[in-house]
Amino acid sequence: QVQLVESGGGLVQAGGSLRLSCAASGRTLSNYAMGWFRQAPGKEREFVAGIGWNGAFPTYADSVKGRFTISRDNAKNTVYLQINSLKPEDTAVYYCAAASVRPLIPARSRDGYDSWGQGTQVTVSS
């Protein structure tokens, strides 16, 4: 399995921006579709964004469409999530995940991913 480490989270005011990074080791990310999920306190982990192994088929949850942008740099073995116009309801732990089974088209469900990072906290104050 690939090892994933997220970074870039923090405390930000509503309307602000953050850029989350997910660095991989152990395997090359070019073999995987990648996804970002988030989990708020008391809620289930939910899909946020996904991207195919070659950068194709970026896909987003309706709640973040137009504000979040997923991208990847396979040469750096890193995936990014640019978060703009942050809202208090975006507060959550954000996780990146890698999918080896279907590397071209990113899954929207947790079951579609087989490696997970430990998460990075994003807190948005109103």
Protein backbone atom coordinates (compact mmCIF):
# COMPACT_ATOMS: atom_id res chain seq x y z
CA GLN A 1 0.00 0.00 0.00
CA VAL A 2 0.95 3.60 -0.47
CA GLN A 3 1.50 5.74 2.63
CA LEU A 4 -0.24 9.12 2.66
CA VAL A 5 0.43 12.18 4.81
CA GLU A 6 -1.81 15.24 4.73
CA SER A 7 -0.73 18.76 5.66
CA GLY A 8 -1.88 22.34 5.29
CA GLY A 9 -4.83 22.40 7.64
CA GLY A 10 -5.36 25.11 10.22
CA LEU A 11 -7.65 27.73 11.69
CA VAL A 12 -8.99 30.26 9.20
CA GLN A 13 -11.74 32.85 9.14
CA ALA A 14 -14.82 32.40 7.00
CA GLY A 15 -14.12 33.51 3.46
CA GLY A 16 -10.48 32.55 3.69
CA SER A 17 -8.49 29.95 1.78
CA LEU A 18 -6.29 26.97 2.48
CA ARG A 19 -4.26 24.60 0.35
CA LEU A 20 -4.11 21.04 1.60
CA SER A 21 -1.39 18.69 0.45
CA CYS A 22 -1.21 14.92 0.46
CA ALA A 23 2.27 13.49 0.07
CA ALA A 24 2.72 9.85 -0.84
CA SER A 25 5.52 7.42 -0.20
CA GLY A 26 6.10 3.77 -0.83
CA ARG A 27 4.46 3.72 -4.24
CA THR A 28 4.12 6.11 -7.14
CA LEU A 29 0.84 7.99 -7.14
CA SER A 30 0.55 7.72 -10.90
CA ASN A 31 -0.95 4.25 -10.33
CA TYR A 32 -3.85 5.60 -8.29
CA ALA A 33 -6.95 7.67 -8.49
CA MET A 34 -7.00 10.03 -5.52
CA GLY A 35 -9.74 11.42 -3.36
CA TRP A 36 -10.31 13.86 -0.54
CA PHE A 37 -12.87 13.17 2.14
CA ARG A 38 -13.83 15.01 5.31
CA GLN A 39 -15.38 14.14 8.63
CA ALA A 40 -17.00 16.65 10.92
CA PRO A 41 -17.65 15.87 14.60
CA GLY A 42 -20.58 13.52 14.98
CA LYS A 43 -20.92 12.98 11.24
CA GLU A 44 -19.88 10.31 8.80
CA ARG A 45 -16.88 10.71 6.55
CA GLU A 46 -18.03 12.22 3.28
CA PHE A 47 -16.61 12.53 -0.20
CA VAL A 48 -15.26 15.96 -1.14
CA ALA A 49 -13.30 15.60 -4.39
CA GLY A 50 -11.56 13.04 -6.57
CA ILE A 51 -9.21 12.94 -9.53
CA GLY A 52 -8.00 10.27 -11.94
CA TRP A 53 -4.40 9.07 -12.12
CA ASN A 54 -3.57 11.39 -15.00
CA GLY A 55 -5.47 14.41 -13.71
CA ALA A 56 -8.58 13.57 -15.69
CA PHE A 57 -12.15 13.39 -14.41
CA PRO A 58 -11.96 15.81 -11.48
CA THR A 59 -15.18 15.41 -9.55
CA TYR A 60 -16.66 17.24 -6.57
CA ALA A 61 -19.38 17.01 -3.99
CA ASP A 62 -22.17 19.49 -4.70
CA SER A 63 -21.48 21.26 -1.43
CA VAL A 64 -17.96 22.27 -2.50
CA LYS A 65 -18.31 22.67 -6.26
CA GLY A 66 -16.95 26.01 -7.39
CA ARG A 67 -14.99 26.56 -4.16
CA PHE A 68 -12.66 23.54 -3.99
CA THR A 69 -10.16 22.45 -6.62
CA ILE A 70 -8.34 19.13 -6.63
CA SER A 71 -5.07 18.75 -8.51
CA ARG A 72 -2.07 16.48 -8.56
CA ASP A 73 1.61 16.50 -9.40
CA ASN A 74 2.69 12.94 -10.05
CA ALA A 75 6.32 14.00 -10.39
CA LYS A 76 6.17 15.19 -6.77
CA ASN A 77 3.94 12.30 -5.68
CA THR A 78 1.55 14.84 -4.21
CA VAL A 79 -2.13 15.68 -4.46
CA TYR A 80 -3.58 19.05 -3.51
CA LEU A 81 -6.92 20.46 -2.47
CA GLN A 82 -7.31 24.21 -2.87
CA ILE A 83 -10.12 25.42 -0.65
CA ASN A 84 -11.53 28.91 -1.23
CA SER A 85 -14.43 30.86 0.26
CA LEU A 86 -14.33 28.72 3.40
CA LYS A 87 -17.49 28.39 5.45
CA PRO A 88 -17.92 27.31 9.08
CA GLU A 89 -19.63 24.15 7.81
CA ASP A 90 -16.37 23.19 6.10
CA THR A 91 -14.87 22.55 9.53
CA ALA A 92 -13.73 18.93 9.62
CA VAL A 93 -10.78 16.60 9.51
CA TYR A 94 -9.76 16.23 5.88
CA TYR A 95 -8.40 12.92 4.64
CA CYS A 96 -6.78 11.96 1.38
CA ALA A 97 -7.19 8.48 -0.04
CA ALA A 98 -5.74 6.42 -2.87
CA ALA A 99 -7.58 3.97 -5.10
CA SER A 100 -5.66 1.27 -6.95
CA VAL A 101 -8.63 -0.68 -8.30
CA ARG A 102 -10.00 1.94 -10.68
CA PRO A 103 -7.21 4.47 -11.21
CA LEU A 104 -8.76 6.44 -14.08
CA ILE A 105 -12.17 7.45 -12.73
CA PRO A 106 -12.25 8.48 -9.07
CA ALA A 107 -14.84 6.84 -6.86
CA ARG A 108 -17.20 8.90 -4.74
CA SER A 109 -17.58 6.31 -1.99
CA ARG A 110 -15.20 5.33 0.79
CA ASP A 111 -15.27 1.73 -0.40
CA GLY A 112 -13.54 2.77 -3.60
CA TYR A 113 -10.29 3.62 -1.79
CA ASP A 114 -7.77 1.28 -0.21
CA SER A 115 -5.21 3.60 1.40
CA TRP A 116 -5.87 6.50 3.74
CA GLY A 117 -3.91 9.22 5.43
CA GLN A 118 -4.27 10.29 9.06
CA GLY A 119 -6.04 13.54 8.27
CA THR A 120 -5.49 17.25 8.77
CA GLN A 121 -7.81 19.49 10.78
CA VAL A 122 -9.51 22.44 9.11
CA THR A 123 -11.36 24.82 11.39
CA VAL A 124 -13.30 27.76 10.01
CA SER A 125 -14.38 30.52 12.38
CA SER A 126 -17.37 32.72 11.66
